[in-house]
């Protein structure tokens, strides 16, 4: 399954730099290993975006309904 998610600027920058290879998200989409995610980050009139693959999902010790997923970038700009 493919998901499109908005992401704040500071988190997008860290994700693109490769220093934030995870997300903590409300699991209203049923995130699973192998799913792909396009993160979008609006900047004025343009929208920056990139595509990642979910490599691991865990809900251990998270608030109800939340998961942590690890991801790796699959598009390189």
PDB file of N, CA and C in Angstrom:
ATOM      1  N   UNK A   1       0.842  -1.167   0.000  1.00  0.00           N
ATOM      2  CA  UNK A   1       0.000   0.000   0.000  1.00  0.00           C
ATOM      3  C   UNK A   1       0.898   1.243   0.000  1.00  0.00           C
ATOM      4  N   UNK A   2       0.409   2.301  -0.585  1.00  0.00           N
ATOM      5  CA  UNK A   2       1.150   3.564  -0.627  1.00  0.00           C
ATOM      6  C   UNK A   2       0.411   4.612   0.193  1.00  0.00           C
ATOM      7  N   UNK A   3       1.168   5.378   0.983  1.00  0.00           N
ATOM      8  CA  UNK A   3       0.605   6.420   1.840  1.00  0.00           C
ATOM      9  C   UNK A   3       1.243   7.759   1.462  1.00  0.00           C
ATOM     10  N   UNK A   4       0.477   8.818   1.540  1.00  0.00           N
ATOM     11  CA  UNK A   4       0.996  10.172   1.354  1.00  0.00           C
ATOM     12  C   UNK A   4       0.780  10.896   2.673  1.00  0.00           C
ATOM     13  N   UNK A   5       1.893  11.361   3.282  1.00  0.00           N
ATOM     14  CA  UNK A   5       1.839  11.990   4.595  1.00  0.00           C
ATOM     15  C   UNK A   5       2.523  13.345   4.576  1.00  0.00           C
ATOM     16  N   UNK A   6       1.933  14.305   5.271  1.00  0.00           N
ATOM     17  CA  UNK A   6       2.582  15.605   5.449  1.00  0.00           C
ATOM     18  C   UNK A   6       3.626  15.469   6.549  1.00  0.00           C
ATOM     19  N   UNK A   7       4.667  16.296   6.450  1.00  0.00           N
ATOM     20  CA  UNK A   7       5.736  16.258   7.449  1.00  0.00           C
ATOM     21  C   UNK A   7       6.250  17.683   7.657  1.00  0.00           C
ATOM     22  N   UNK A   8       6.549  18.031   8.897  1.00  0.00           N
ATOM     23  CA  UNK A   8       7.074  19.356   9.221  1.00  0.00           C
ATOM     24  C   UNK A   8       8.480  19.533   8.648  1.00  0.00           C
ATOM     25  N   UNK A   9       8.841  20.777   8.390  1.00  0.00           N
ATOM     26  CA  UNK A   9      10.121  21.109   7.757  1.00  0.00           C
ATOM     27  C   UNK A   9      11.323  20.511   8.485  1.00  0.00           C
ATOM     28  N   UNK A  10      11.400  20.692   9.798  1.00  0.00           N
ATOM     29  CA  UNK A  10      12.579  20.201  10.526  1.00  0.00           C
ATOM     30  C   UNK A  10      12.703  18.681  10.451  1.00  0.00           C
ATOM     31  N   UNK A  11      11.568  17.986  10.446  1.00  0.00           N
ATOM     32  CA  UNK A  11      11.600  16.526  10.359  1.00  0.00           C
ATOM     33  C   UNK A  11      11.910  16.065   8.937  1.00  0.00           C
ATOM     34  N   UNK A  12      11.410  16.806   7.944  1.00  0.00           N
ATOM     35  CA  UNK A  12      11.699  16.467   6.548  1.00  0.00           C
ATOM     36  C   UNK A  12      13.193  16.604   6.280  1.00  0.00           C
ATOM     37  N   UNK A  13      13.779  17.692   6.748  1.00  0.00           N
ATOM     38  CA  UNK A  13      15.221  17.912   6.558  1.00  0.00           C
ATOM     39  C   UNK A  13      16.033  16.780   7.175  1.00  0.00           C
ATOM     40  N   UNK A  14      15.673  16.357   8.392  1.00  0.00           N
ATOM     41  CA  UNK A  14      16.389  15.271   9.061  1.00  0.00           C
ATOM     42  C   UNK A  14      16.200  13.947   8.312  1.00  0.00           C
ATOM     43  N   UNK A  15      15.010  13.746   7.768  1.00  0.00           N
ATOM     44  CA  UNK A  15      14.726  12.514   7.029  1.00  0.00           C
ATOM     45  C   UNK A  15      15.546  12.484   5.736  1.00  0.00           C
ATOM     46  N   UNK A  16      15.577  13.580   5.004  1.00  0.00           N
ATOM     47  CA  UNK A  16      16.338  13.663   3.750  1.00  0.00           C
ATOM     48  C   UNK A  16      17.833  13.489   4.026  1.00  0.00           C
ATOM     49  N   UNK A  17      18.306  14.028   5.137  1.00  0.00           N
ATOM     50  CA  UNK A  17      19.721  13.916   5.498  1.00  0.00           C
ATOM     51  C   UNK A  17      20.081  12.503   5.971  1.00  0.00           C
ATOM     52  N   UNK A  18      19.065  11.670   6.231  1.00  0.00           N
ATOM     53  CA  UNK A  18      19.320  10.301   6.657  1.00  0.00           C
ATOM     54  C   UNK A  18      19.546  10.133   8.146  1.00  0.00           C
ATOM     55  N   UNK A  19      19.283  11.185   8.941  1.00  0.00           N
ATOM     56  CA  UNK A  19      19.505  11.083  10.382  1.00  0.00           C
ATOM     57  C   UNK A  19      18.220  10.802  11.165  1.00  0.00           C
ATOM     58  N   UNK A  20      17.097  10.688  10.463  1.00  0.00           N
ATOM     59  CA  UNK A  20      15.822  10.336  11.109  1.00  0.00           C
ATOM     60  C   UNK A  20      15.153   9.219  10.301  1.00  0.00           C
ATOM     61  N   UNK A  21      15.620   7.992  10.465  1.00  0.00           N
ATOM     62  CA  UNK A  21      15.089   6.874   9.679  1.00  0.00           C
ATOM     63  C   UNK A  21      13.870   6.206  10.324  1.00  0.00           C
ATOM     64  N   UNK A  22      13.015   7.006  10.975  1.00  0.00           N
ATOM     65  CA  UNK A  22      11.831   6.457  11.631  1.00  0.00           C
ATOM     66  C   UNK A  22      10.736   7.519  11.677  1.00  0.00           C
ATOM     67  N   UNK A  23       9.521   7.065  11.938  1.00  0.00           N
ATOM     68  CA  UNK A  23       8.375   7.942  12.151  1.00  0.00           C
ATOM     69  C   UNK A  23       7.567   7.390  13.307  1.00  0.00           C
ATOM     70  N   UNK A  24       6.977   8.265  14.091  1.00  0.00           N
ATOM     71  CA  UNK A  24       5.988   7.894  15.097  1.00  0.00           C
ATOM     72  C   UNK A  24       4.686   8.482  14.596  1.00  0.00           C
ATOM     73  N   UNK A  25       3.736   7.622  14.287  1.00  0.00           N
ATOM     74  CA  UNK A  25       2.492   8.070  13.652  1.00  0.00           C
ATOM     75  C   UNK A  25       1.288   7.366  14.252  1.00  0.00           C
ATOM     76  N   UNK A  26       0.147   8.073  14.214  1.00  0.00           N
ATOM     77  CA  UNK A  26      -1.114   7.443  14.550  1.00  0.00           C
ATOM     78  C   UNK A  26      -1.384   6.412  13.461  1.00  0.00           C
ATOM     79  N   UNK A  27      -1.732   5.196  13.847  1.00  0.00           N
ATOM     80  CA  UNK A  27      -1.849   4.114  12.873  1.00  0.00           C
ATOM     81  C   UNK A  27      -3.268   3.989  12.318  1.00  0.00           C
ATOM     82  N   UNK A  28      -3.776   5.063  11.779  1.00  0.00           N
ATOM     83  CA  UNK A  28      -5.106   5.041  11.172  1.00  0.00           C
ATOM     84  C   UNK A  28      -5.065   4.490   9.750  1.00  0.00           C
ATOM     85  N   UNK A  29      -3.890   4.148   9.267  1.00  0.00           N
ATOM     86  CA  UNK A  29      -3.731   3.648   7.899  1.00  0.00           C
ATOM     87  C   UNK A  29      -3.279   2.197   7.832  1.00  0.00           C
ATOM     88  N   UNK A  30      -3.021   1.602   8.985  1.00  0.00           N
ATOM     89  CA  UNK A  30      -2.580   0.207   8.997  1.00  0.00           C
ATOM     90  C   UNK A  30      -1.201   0.020   8.390  1.00  0.00           C
ATOM     91  N   UNK A  31      -0.242   0.867   8.776  1.00  0.00           N
ATOM     92  CA  UNK A  31       1.112   0.791   8.238  1.00  0.00           C
ATOM     93  C   UNK A  31       1.688  -0.609   8.390  1.00  0.00           C
ATOM     94  N   UNK A  32       2.342  -1.091   7.330  1.00  0.00           N
ATOM     95  CA  UNK A  32       2.951  -2.413   7.347  1.00  0.00           C
ATOM     96  C   UNK A  32       4.314  -2.378   6.647  1.00  0.00           C
ATOM     97  N   UNK A  33       5.173  -3.315   7.043  1.00  0.00           N
ATOM     98  CA  UNK A  33       6.466  -3.479   6.374  1.00  0.00           C
ATOM     99  C   UNK A  33       6.208  -3.682   4.877  1.00  0.00           C
ATOM    100  N   UNK A  34       6.975  -2.987   4.043  1.00  0.00           N
ATOM    101  CA  UNK A  34       6.834  -3.087   2.594  1.00  0.00           C
ATOM    102  C   UNK A  34       5.966  -2.001   1.988  1.00  0.00           C
ATOM    103  N   UNK A  35       5.157  -1.325   2.816  1.00  0.00           N
ATOM    104  CA  UNK A  35       4.375  -0.184   2.316  1.00  0.00           C
ATOM    105  C   UNK A  35       5.339   0.915   1.890  1.00  0.00           C
ATOM    106  N   UNK A  36       4.887   1.786   1.016  1.00  0.00           N
ATOM    107  CA  UNK A  36       5.678   2.949   0.631  1.00  0.00           C
ATOM    108  C   UNK A  36       4.976   4.210   1.124  1.00  0.00           C
ATOM    109  N   UNK A  37       5.793   5.234   1.363  1.00  0.00           N
ATOM    110  CA  UNK A  37       5.287   6.498   1.880  1.00  0.00           C
ATOM    111  C   UNK A  37       5.903   7.641   1.087  1.00  0.00           C
ATOM    112  N   UNK A  38       5.072   8.559   0.636  1.00  0.00           N
ATOM    113  CA  UNK A  38       5.563   9.816   0.091  1.00  0.00           C
ATOM    114  C   UNK A  38       5.344  10.863   1.167  1.00  0.00           C
ATOM    115  N   UNK A  39       6.441  11.452   1.638  1.00  0.00           N
ATOM    116  CA  UNK A  39       6.354  12.545   2.608  1.00  0.00           C
ATOM    117  C   UNK A  39       6.338  13.847   1.827  1.00  0.00           C
ATOM    118  N   UNK A  40       5.373  14.714   2.134  1.00  0.00           N
ATOM    119  CA  UNK A  40       5.271  16.003   1.449  1.00  0.00           C
ATOM    120  C   UNK A  40       5.500  17.123   2.452  1.00  0.00           C
ATOM    121  N   UNK A  41       6.194  18.139   1.990  1.00  0.00           N
ATOM    122  CA  UNK A  41       6.521  19.276   2.845  1.00  0.00           C
ATOM    123  C   UNK A  41       6.350  20.540   2.007  1.00  0.00           C
ATOM    124  N   UNK A  42       5.213  21.263   2.218  1.00  0.00           N
ATOM    125  CA  UNK A  42       4.972  22.483   1.433  1.00  0.00           C
ATOM    126  C   UNK A  42       5.966  23.588   1.780  1.00  0.00           C
ATOM    127  N   UNK A  43       6.477  24.246   0.755  1.00  0.00           N
ATOM    128  CA  UNK A  43       7.382  25.385   0.922  1.00  0.00           C
ATOM    129  C   UNK A  43       6.863  26.481  -0.006  1.00  0.00           C
ATOM    130  N   UNK A  44       6.094  27.399   0.529  1.00  0.00           N
ATOM    131  CA  UNK A  44       5.514  28.447  -0.305  1.00  0.00           C
ATOM    132  C   UNK A  44       4.618  27.858  -1.374  1.00  0.00           C
ATOM    133  N   UNK A  45       4.903  28.197  -2.630  1.00  0.00           N
ATOM    134  CA  UNK A  45       4.074  27.746  -3.748  1.00  0.00           C
ATOM    135  C   UNK A  45       4.465  26.353  -4.258  1.00  0.00           C
ATOM    136  N   UNK A  46       5.563  25.793  -3.728  1.00  0.00           N
ATOM    137  CA  UNK A  46       5.991  24.463  -4.184  1.00  0.00           C
ATOM    138  C   UNK A  46       5.855  23.451  -3.050  1.00  0.00           C
ATOM    139  N   UNK A  47       5.890  22.201  -3.387  1.00  0.00           N
ATOM    140  CA  UNK A  47       5.859  21.137  -2.387  1.00  0.00           C
ATOM    141  C   UNK A  47       7.037  20.215  -2.631  1.00  0.00           C
ATOM    142  N   UNK A  48       7.875  20.096  -1.600  1.00  0.00           N
ATOM    143  CA  UNK A  48       8.972  19.126  -1.683  1.00  0.00           C
ATOM    144  C   UNK A  48       8.415  17.779  -1.284  1.00  0.00           C
ATOM    145  N   UNK A  49       8.910  16.727  -1.923  1.00  0.00           N
ATOM    146  CA  UNK A  49       8.447  15.398  -1.559  1.00  0.00           C
ATOM    147  C   UNK A  49       9.512  14.366  -1.862  1.00  0.00           C
ATOM    148  N   UNK A  50       9.409  13.247  -1.176  1.00  0.00           N
ATOM    149  CA  UNK A  50      10.314  12.132  -1.386  1.00  0.00           C
ATOM    150  C   UNK A  50       9.597  10.851  -1.030  1.00  0.00           C
ATOM    151  N   UNK A  51      10.134   9.748  -1.513  1.00  0.00           N
ATOM    152  CA  UNK A  51       9.478   8.450  -1.314  1.00  0.00           C
ATOM    153  C   UNK A  51      10.367   7.531  -0.489  1.00  0.00           C
ATOM    154  N   UNK A  52       9.763   6.881   0.507  1.00  0.00           N
ATOM    155  CA  UNK A  52      10.446   5.962   1.402  1.00  0.00           C
ATOM    156  C   UNK A  52       9.692   4.639   1.459  1.00  0.00           C
ATOM    157  N   UNK A  53      10.387   3.575   1.833  1.00  0.00           N
ATOM    158  CA  UNK A  53       9.768   2.271   2.053  1.00  0.00           C
ATOM    159  C   UNK A  53       9.813   1.952   3.536  1.00  0.00           C
ATOM    160  N   UNK A  54       8.707   1.466   4.081  1.00  0.00           N
ATOM    161  CA  UNK A  54       8.655   1.069   5.484  1.00  0.00           C
ATOM    162  C   UNK A  54       9.375  -0.279   5.620  1.00  0.00           C
ATOM    163  N   UNK A  55      10.356  -0.314   6.527  1.00  0.00           N
ATOM    164  CA  UNK A  55      11.153  -1.523   6.699  1.00  0.00           C
ATOM    165  C   UNK A  55      10.856  -2.272   7.994  1.00  0.00           C
ATOM    166  N   UNK A  56      10.167  -1.601   8.941  1.00  0.00           N
ATOM    167  CA  UNK A  56       9.876  -2.239  10.225  1.00  0.00           C
ATOM    168  C   UNK A  56       8.771  -1.446  10.900  1.00  0.00           C
ATOM    169  N   UNK A  57       7.843  -2.137  11.570  1.00  0.00           N
ATOM    170  CA  UNK A  57       6.744  -1.479  12.279  1.00  0.00           C
ATOM    171  C   UNK A  57       6.618  -2.103  13.661  1.00  0.00           C
ATOM    172  N   UNK A  58       6.501  -1.252  14.693  1.00  0.00           N
ATOM    173  CA  UNK A  58       6.315  -1.753  16.059  1.00  0.00           C
ATOM    174  C   UNK A  58       5.430  -0.774  16.838  1.00  0.00           C
ATOM    175  N   UNK A  59       4.587  -1.323  17.686  1.00  0.00           N
ATOM    176  CA  UNK A  59       3.719  -0.508  18.526  1.00  0.00           C
ATOM    177  C   UNK A  59       4.092  -0.568  19.996  1.00  0.00           C
ATOM    178  N   UNK A  60       5.162  -1.296  20.316  1.00  0.00           N
ATOM    179  CA  UNK A  60       5.580  -1.504  21.704  1.00  0.00           C
ATOM    180  C   UNK A  60       5.815  -0.174  22.425  1.00  0.00           C
ATOM    181  N   UNK A  61       5.196  -0.035  23.594  1.00  0.00           N
ATOM    182  CA  UNK A  61       5.355   1.119  24.475  1.00  0.00           C
ATOM    183  C   UNK A  61       4.883   2.444  23.844  1.00  0.00           C
ATOM    184  N   UNK A  62       4.017   2.376  22.848  1.00  0.00           N
ATOM    185  CA  UNK A  62       3.482   3.592  22.231  1.00  0.00           C
ATOM    186  C   UNK A  62       2.114   3.910  22.830  1.00  0.00           C
ATOM    187  N   UNK A  63       1.702   5.169  22.694  1.00  0.00           N
ATOM    188  CA  UNK A  63       0.340   5.540  23.086  1.00  0.00           C
ATOM    189  C   UNK A  63      -0.637   4.716  22.271  1.00  0.00           C
ATOM    190  N   UNK A  64      -1.817   4.510  22.799  1.00  0.00           N
ATOM    191  CA  UNK A  64      -2.834   3.737  22.094  1.00  0.00           C
ATOM    192  C   UNK A  64      -3.038   4.248  20.684  1.00  0.00           C
ATOM    193  N   UNK A  65      -2.983   3.325  19.721  1.00  0.00           N
ATOM    194  CA  UNK A  65      -3.234   3.672  18.330  1.00  0.00           C
ATOM    195  C   UNK A  65      -2.029   4.175  17.563  1.00  0.00           C
ATOM    196  N   UNK A  66      -0.879   4.318  18.224  1.00  0.00           N
ATOM    197  CA  UNK A  66       0.323   4.823  17.568  1.00  0.00           C
ATOM    198  C   UNK A  66       1.314   3.695  17.289  1.00  0.00           C
ATOM    199  N   UNK A  67       2.136   3.880  16.261  1.00  0.00           N
ATOM    200  CA  UNK A  67       3.215   2.955  15.932  1.00  0.00           C
ATOM    201  C   UNK A  67       4.472   3.742  15.617  1.00  0.00           C
ATOM    202  N   UNK A  68       5.581   3.037  15.669  1.00  0.00           N
ATOM    203  CA  UNK A  68       6.851   3.556  15.172  1.00  0.00           C
ATOM    204  C   UNK A  68       7.178   2.724  13.950  1.00  0.00           C
ATOM    205  N   UNK A  69       7.550   3.383  12.856  1.00  0.00           N
ATOM    206  CA  UNK A  69       8.040   2.597  11.727  1.00  0.00           C
ATOM    207  C   UNK A  69       9.377   3.123  11.257  1.00  0.00           C
ATOM    208  N   UNK A  70      10.242   2.177  10.906  1.00  0.00           N
ATOM    209  CA  UNK A  70      11.539   2.505  10.314  1.00  0.00           C
ATOM    210  C   UNK A  70      11.344   2.579   8.807  1.00  0.00           C
ATOM    211  N   UNK A  71      12.143   3.420   8.165  1.00  0.00           N
ATOM    212  CA  UNK A  71      11.998   3.551   6.718  1.00  0.00           C
ATOM    213  C   UNK A  71      13.336   3.830   6.048  1.00  0.00           C
ATOM    214  N   UNK A  72      13.380   3.569   4.738  1.00  0.00           N
ATOM    215  CA  UNK A  72      14.575   3.891   3.954  1.00  0.00           C
ATOM    216  C   UNK A  72      14.119   4.594   2.688  1.00  0.00           C
ATOM    217  N   UNK A  73      14.906   5.545   2.281  1.00  0.00           N
ATOM    218  CA  UNK A  73      14.553   6.325   1.084  1.00  0.00           C
ATOM    219  C   UNK A  73      14.734   5.462  -0.158  1.00  0.00           C
ATOM    220  N   UNK A  74      13.770   5.536  -1.050  1.00  0.00           N
ATOM    221  CA  UNK A  74      13.848   4.732  -2.273  1.00  0.00           C
ATOM    222  C   UNK A  74      13.888   5.591  -3.525  1.00  0.00           C
ATOM    223  N   UNK A  75      13.771   6.914  -3.356  1.00  0.00           N
ATOM    224  CA  UNK A  75      14.005   7.795  -4.497  1.00  0.00           C
ATOM    225  C   UNK A  75      15.146   8.718  -4.130  1.00  0.00           C
ATOM    226  N   UNK A  76      16.006   8.985  -5.033  1.00  0.00           N
ATOM    227  CA  UNK A  76      17.136   9.873  -4.785  1.00  0.00           C
ATOM    228  C   UNK A  76      17.055  11.045  -5.753  1.00  0.00           C
ATOM    229  N   UNK A  77      17.049  12.229  -5.187  1.00  0.00           N
ATOM    230  CA  UNK A  77      16.988  13.445  -6.034  1.00  0.00           C
ATOM    231  C   UNK A  77      18.364  14.032  -6.186  1.00  0.00           C
TER     232      UNK A  77
END
